[in-house]
N, C-alpha and C. Protein backbone atom coordinates (compact mmCIF):
# COMPACT_ATOMS: atom_id res chain seq x y z
N MET A 1 0.84 -1.17 0.00
CA MET A 1 0.00 0.00 0.00
C MET A 1 0.89 1.23 0.00
N THR A 2 0.70 2.09 -0.94
CA THR A 2 1.50 3.30 -1.02
C THR A 2 0.65 4.51 -0.69
N HIS A 3 1.28 5.48 -0.11
CA HIS A 3 0.62 6.73 0.26
C HIS A 3 1.13 7.84 -0.64
N PRO A 4 0.25 8.68 -1.10
CA PRO A 4 0.73 9.78 -1.94
C PRO A 4 1.61 10.72 -1.13
N ARG A 5 2.65 11.19 -1.75
CA ARG A 5 3.55 12.13 -1.09
C ARG A 5 2.93 13.50 -1.09
N ARG A 6 3.09 14.18 -0.01
CA ARG A 6 2.58 15.54 0.09
C ARG A 6 3.77 16.46 0.25
N GLY A 7 3.99 17.28 -0.70
CA GLY A 7 5.09 18.22 -0.65
C GLY A 7 4.55 19.64 -0.57
N PRO A 8 5.44 20.61 -0.61
CA PRO A 8 5.01 22.00 -0.47
C PRO A 8 4.14 22.48 -1.62
N THR A 9 4.16 21.78 -2.76
CA THR A 9 3.34 22.20 -3.89
C THR A 9 2.04 21.42 -4.00
N SER A 10 1.88 20.43 -3.13
CA SER A 10 0.64 19.64 -3.16
C SER A 10 -0.51 20.48 -2.67
N PRO A 11 -1.68 20.30 -3.27
CA PRO A 11 -2.84 21.06 -2.78
C PRO A 11 -3.19 20.64 -1.37
N SER A 12 -3.48 21.58 -0.57
CA SER A 12 -3.80 21.32 0.83
C SER A 12 -5.30 21.07 0.97
N LYS A 13 -5.65 20.17 1.87
CA LYS A 13 -7.06 19.89 2.13
C LYS A 13 -7.56 20.70 3.32
N LYS A 14 -6.67 21.51 3.92
CA LYS A 14 -7.08 22.33 5.06
C LYS A 14 -8.01 23.42 4.61
N LYS A 15 -8.99 23.71 5.45
CA LYS A 15 -9.89 24.82 5.17
C LYS A 15 -9.18 26.12 5.48
N ALA A 16 -9.48 27.13 4.73
CA ALA A 16 -8.90 28.45 4.99
C ALA A 16 -9.47 28.98 6.30
N THR A 17 -8.60 29.49 7.13
CA THR A 17 -9.03 30.06 8.40
C THR A 17 -8.77 31.55 8.39
N LYS A 18 -9.57 32.26 9.12
CA LYS A 18 -9.41 33.70 9.23
C LYS A 18 -8.17 33.99 10.05
N HIS A 19 -7.27 34.76 9.50
CA HIS A 19 -6.03 35.11 10.20
C HIS A 19 -6.29 36.30 11.11
N THR A 20 -5.92 36.15 12.35
CA THR A 20 -6.04 37.26 13.28
C THR A 20 -4.65 37.79 13.58
N SER A 21 -4.60 38.93 14.18
CA SER A 21 -3.32 39.58 14.44
C SER A 21 -2.56 38.95 15.60
N GLY A 22 -3.12 37.92 16.23
CA GLY A 22 -2.45 37.31 17.36
C GLY A 22 -2.84 37.96 18.67
N GLN A 23 -3.59 39.03 18.61
CA GLN A 23 -4.03 39.72 19.82
C GLN A 23 -5.21 38.99 20.42
N ARG A 24 -5.20 38.86 21.71
CA ARG A 24 -6.33 38.27 22.40
C ARG A 24 -7.28 39.37 22.81
N SER A 25 -8.53 39.01 22.96
CA SER A 25 -9.49 40.02 23.41
C SER A 25 -9.47 40.08 24.93
N ILE A 26 -9.95 41.15 25.46
CA ILE A 26 -10.02 41.35 26.91
C ILE A 26 -11.47 41.21 27.31
N ASP A 27 -11.71 40.42 28.35
CA ASP A 27 -13.10 40.22 28.77
C ASP A 27 -13.68 41.51 29.33
N ASP A 28 -14.99 41.58 29.35
CA ASP A 28 -15.68 42.82 29.72
C ASP A 28 -15.37 43.29 31.14
N THR A 29 -15.20 42.36 32.06
CA THR A 29 -14.90 42.74 33.45
C THR A 29 -13.55 43.46 33.52
N ARG A 30 -12.54 42.87 32.87
CA ARG A 30 -11.22 43.49 32.88
C ARG A 30 -11.21 44.78 32.07
N ALA A 31 -11.95 44.80 30.96
CA ALA A 31 -12.04 46.02 30.15
C ALA A 31 -12.62 47.16 30.99
N THR A 32 -13.64 46.86 31.78
CA THR A 32 -14.25 47.88 32.64
C THR A 32 -13.25 48.41 33.65
N GLU A 33 -12.44 47.52 34.25
CA GLU A 33 -11.41 47.95 35.21
C GLU A 33 -10.39 48.86 34.54
N ILE A 34 -9.92 48.45 33.36
CA ILE A 34 -8.92 49.24 32.64
C ILE A 34 -9.50 50.58 32.22
N GLN A 35 -10.74 50.56 31.71
CA GLN A 35 -11.38 51.81 31.30
C GLN A 35 -11.57 52.74 32.50
N GLY A 36 -11.93 52.20 33.64
CA GLY A 36 -12.08 53.02 34.84
C GLY A 36 -10.78 53.72 35.19
N ALA A 37 -9.67 52.98 35.09
CA ALA A 37 -8.36 53.58 35.37
C ALA A 37 -7.99 54.62 34.32
N LEU A 38 -8.34 54.36 33.06
CA LEU A 38 -8.07 55.34 32.00
C LEU A 38 -8.93 56.59 32.16
N VAL A 39 -10.17 56.43 32.62
CA VAL A 39 -11.03 57.58 32.89
C VAL A 39 -10.44 58.40 34.03
N LYS A 40 -10.03 57.71 35.09
CA LYS A 40 -9.45 58.38 36.26
C LYS A 40 -8.17 59.13 35.89
N SER A 41 -7.42 58.58 34.93
CA SER A 41 -6.17 59.20 34.49
C SER A 41 -6.38 60.27 33.43
N GLY A 42 -7.63 60.45 32.96
CA GLY A 42 -7.93 61.47 31.99
C GLY A 42 -7.77 61.06 30.54
N TYR A 43 -7.61 59.77 30.27
CA TYR A 43 -7.43 59.31 28.90
C TYR A 43 -8.74 58.90 28.24
N MET A 44 -9.78 58.73 29.01
CA MET A 44 -11.11 58.42 28.48
C MET A 44 -12.13 59.26 29.25
N THR A 45 -13.30 59.47 28.66
CA THR A 45 -14.33 60.24 29.35
C THR A 45 -15.38 59.34 29.99
N GLU A 46 -15.57 58.13 29.43
CA GLU A 46 -16.54 57.21 30.02
C GLU A 46 -16.15 55.77 29.74
N SER A 47 -16.64 54.89 30.57
CA SER A 47 -16.40 53.46 30.43
C SER A 47 -17.58 52.82 29.71
N THR A 48 -17.28 52.02 28.67
CA THR A 48 -18.34 51.33 27.93
C THR A 48 -18.54 49.90 28.40
N GLY A 49 -17.57 49.37 29.11
CA GLY A 49 -17.65 48.00 29.57
C GLY A 49 -17.21 46.97 28.55
N HIS A 50 -16.74 47.44 27.39
CA HIS A 50 -16.26 46.55 26.33
C HIS A 50 -14.93 47.07 25.80
N TRP A 51 -14.04 46.15 25.43
CA TRP A 51 -12.78 46.56 24.82
C TRP A 51 -13.09 46.97 23.39
N ASP A 52 -13.01 48.26 23.10
CA ASP A 52 -13.41 48.78 21.80
C ASP A 52 -12.32 49.70 21.25
N SER A 53 -12.58 50.30 20.11
CA SER A 53 -11.58 51.15 19.46
C SER A 53 -11.24 52.38 20.29
N ALA A 54 -12.22 52.92 21.02
CA ALA A 54 -11.95 54.08 21.88
C ALA A 54 -10.99 53.70 23.00
N THR A 55 -11.16 52.49 23.53
CA THR A 55 -10.27 52.01 24.59
C THR A 55 -8.87 51.77 24.04
N GLU A 56 -8.80 51.17 22.84
CA GLU A 56 -7.49 50.95 22.21
C GLU A 56 -6.77 52.27 21.97
N SER A 57 -7.49 53.28 21.51
CA SER A 57 -6.89 54.60 21.27
C SER A 57 -6.39 55.22 22.57
N ALA A 58 -7.20 55.12 23.61
CA ALA A 58 -6.80 55.67 24.91
C ALA A 58 -5.57 54.94 25.45
N MET A 59 -5.53 53.61 25.27
CA MET A 59 -4.38 52.83 25.74
C MET A 59 -3.13 53.20 24.96
N GLN A 60 -3.26 53.38 23.65
CA GLN A 60 -2.11 53.79 22.84
C GLN A 60 -1.59 55.15 23.28
N LYS A 61 -2.47 56.09 23.54
CA LYS A 61 -2.08 57.43 23.99
C LYS A 61 -1.39 57.35 25.35
N PHE A 62 -1.95 56.56 26.27
CA PHE A 62 -1.37 56.38 27.60
C PHE A 62 0.05 55.82 27.48
N GLN A 63 0.21 54.79 26.65
CA GLN A 63 1.54 54.19 26.50
C GLN A 63 2.52 55.16 25.83
N ALA A 64 2.06 55.90 24.83
CA ALA A 64 2.94 56.86 24.15
C ALA A 64 3.37 57.96 25.12
N ASP A 65 2.45 58.44 25.94
CA ASP A 65 2.77 59.49 26.90
C ASP A 65 3.80 59.03 27.94
N ASN A 66 3.89 57.72 28.14
CA ASN A 66 4.86 57.18 29.08
C ASN A 66 6.15 56.74 28.38
N GLY A 67 6.24 57.02 27.07
CA GLY A 67 7.46 56.70 26.32
C GLY A 67 7.59 55.23 25.97
N TRP A 68 6.49 54.50 25.97
CA TRP A 68 6.51 53.08 25.67
C TRP A 68 6.03 52.83 24.27
N GLN A 69 6.30 51.62 23.77
CA GLN A 69 5.77 51.21 22.48
C GLN A 69 4.25 51.18 22.57
N THR A 70 3.61 51.76 21.59
CA THR A 70 2.15 51.81 21.62
C THR A 70 1.58 50.53 21.03
N LYS A 71 0.77 49.85 21.83
CA LYS A 71 0.15 48.61 21.43
C LYS A 71 -1.35 48.74 21.63
N LEU A 72 -2.10 47.92 20.92
CA LEU A 72 -3.55 47.93 21.10
C LEU A 72 -3.94 47.28 22.42
N MET A 73 -3.17 46.30 22.86
CA MET A 73 -3.45 45.61 24.11
C MET A 73 -2.43 46.08 25.16
N PRO A 74 -2.86 46.30 26.37
CA PRO A 74 -1.94 46.78 27.40
C PRO A 74 -0.94 45.71 27.82
N ASP A 75 0.29 46.13 28.05
CA ASP A 75 1.27 45.20 28.59
C ASP A 75 1.31 45.35 30.11
N SER A 76 2.11 44.55 30.76
CA SER A 76 2.11 44.51 32.23
C SER A 76 2.50 45.85 32.85
N ARG A 77 3.45 46.55 32.27
CA ARG A 77 3.86 47.82 32.89
C ARG A 77 2.75 48.87 32.78
N ALA A 78 1.96 48.84 31.69
CA ALA A 78 0.84 49.77 31.57
C ALA A 78 -0.22 49.44 32.62
N ILE A 79 -0.48 48.17 32.82
CA ILE A 79 -1.46 47.74 33.83
C ILE A 79 -1.00 48.18 35.22
N ILE A 80 0.27 47.98 35.51
CA ILE A 80 0.81 48.37 36.82
C ILE A 80 0.74 49.88 36.99
N LYS A 81 1.12 50.64 35.96
CA LYS A 81 1.10 52.10 36.02
C LYS A 81 -0.33 52.62 36.22
N LEU A 82 -1.32 51.91 35.69
CA LEU A 82 -2.72 52.28 35.88
C LEU A 82 -3.24 51.89 37.27
N GLY A 83 -2.41 51.21 38.04
CA GLY A 83 -2.81 50.81 39.39
C GLY A 83 -3.61 49.52 39.42
N LEU A 84 -3.49 48.72 38.36
CA LEU A 84 -4.26 47.49 38.28
C LEU A 84 -3.38 46.25 38.33
N GLY A 85 -2.17 46.41 38.79
CA GLY A 85 -1.23 45.29 38.87
C GLY A 85 -1.54 44.39 40.05
N PRO A 86 -0.59 43.54 40.40
CA PRO A 86 -0.78 42.63 41.53
C PRO A 86 -1.11 43.40 42.80
N SER A 87 -1.98 42.85 43.58
CA SER A 87 -2.42 43.50 44.82
C SER A 87 -1.33 43.43 45.88
N SER A 88 -1.10 44.55 46.53
CA SER A 88 -0.10 44.57 47.60
C SER A 88 -0.68 44.06 48.91
N SER A 89 -1.99 43.81 48.95
CA SER A 89 -2.61 43.34 50.19
C SER A 89 -2.54 41.83 50.34
N SER A 90 -2.09 41.12 49.30
CA SER A 90 -1.99 39.66 49.42
C SER A 90 -0.80 39.32 50.30
N PRO A 91 -0.91 38.28 51.10
CA PRO A 91 0.18 37.93 52.01
C PRO A 91 1.42 37.49 51.26
N THR A 92 2.55 37.91 51.75
CA THR A 92 3.83 37.51 51.17
C THR A 92 4.36 36.33 51.96
N PRO A 93 5.33 35.61 51.42
CA PRO A 93 5.90 34.49 52.18
C PRO A 93 6.44 34.93 53.54
N ALA A 94 6.99 36.14 53.63
CA ALA A 94 7.51 36.63 54.90
C ALA A 94 6.37 36.80 55.92
N ASP A 95 5.20 37.25 55.45
CA ASP A 95 4.05 37.39 56.34
C ASP A 95 3.65 36.04 56.91
N ASN A 96 3.68 35.00 56.09
CA ASN A 96 3.30 33.68 56.54
C ASN A 96 4.28 33.13 57.56
N VAL A 97 5.56 33.42 57.39
CA VAL A 97 6.58 32.96 58.34
C VAL A 97 6.37 33.61 59.69
N GLU A 98 6.08 34.92 59.71
CA GLU A 98 5.88 35.61 60.98
C GLU A 98 4.68 35.05 61.74
N THR A 99 3.59 34.80 61.06
CA THR A 99 2.42 34.29 61.75
C THR A 99 2.62 32.85 62.17
N ALA A 100 3.42 32.08 61.41
CA ALA A 100 3.64 30.69 61.75
C ALA A 100 4.56 30.58 62.97
N SER A 101 5.48 31.53 63.16
CA SER A 101 6.43 31.44 64.27
C SER A 101 5.91 32.12 65.53
N ALA A 102 4.81 32.84 65.46
CA ALA A 102 4.26 33.49 66.64
C ALA A 102 3.60 32.45 67.53
N PRO A 103 3.80 32.56 68.86
CA PRO A 103 3.17 31.59 69.74
C PRO A 103 1.65 31.76 69.73
N ALA A 104 0.96 30.66 69.84
CA ALA A 104 -0.49 30.68 69.83
C ALA A 104 -1.00 31.26 71.15
N ALA A 105 -2.03 32.09 71.07
CA ALA A 105 -2.65 32.67 72.27
C ALA A 105 -3.52 31.61 72.93
N ARG A 106 -3.45 31.56 74.28
CA ARG A 106 -4.26 30.57 75.01
C ARG A 106 -5.22 31.24 75.93
């Protein structure tokens, strides 16, 4: 039994797929948080609750004003600068060590 060879010039049986830019979308909850921070910073006038072209424009302006590469999607430093980064109220390993070594109250 022989199998036909498939080379780079062979017709492909794959269906054509829509090519995207590789950007992921942001869910509405996170979009609302980011928009709120952009409104507070003066880059937007209102929050729509959806990641839209107005939000992308505001994010690009925010990043450009900070001297960063302007992207449609925010990177981690933009999120942190907007005050939406990791929470400082979460316990650190040092906090856990202190509470673990403290004597229990009786």
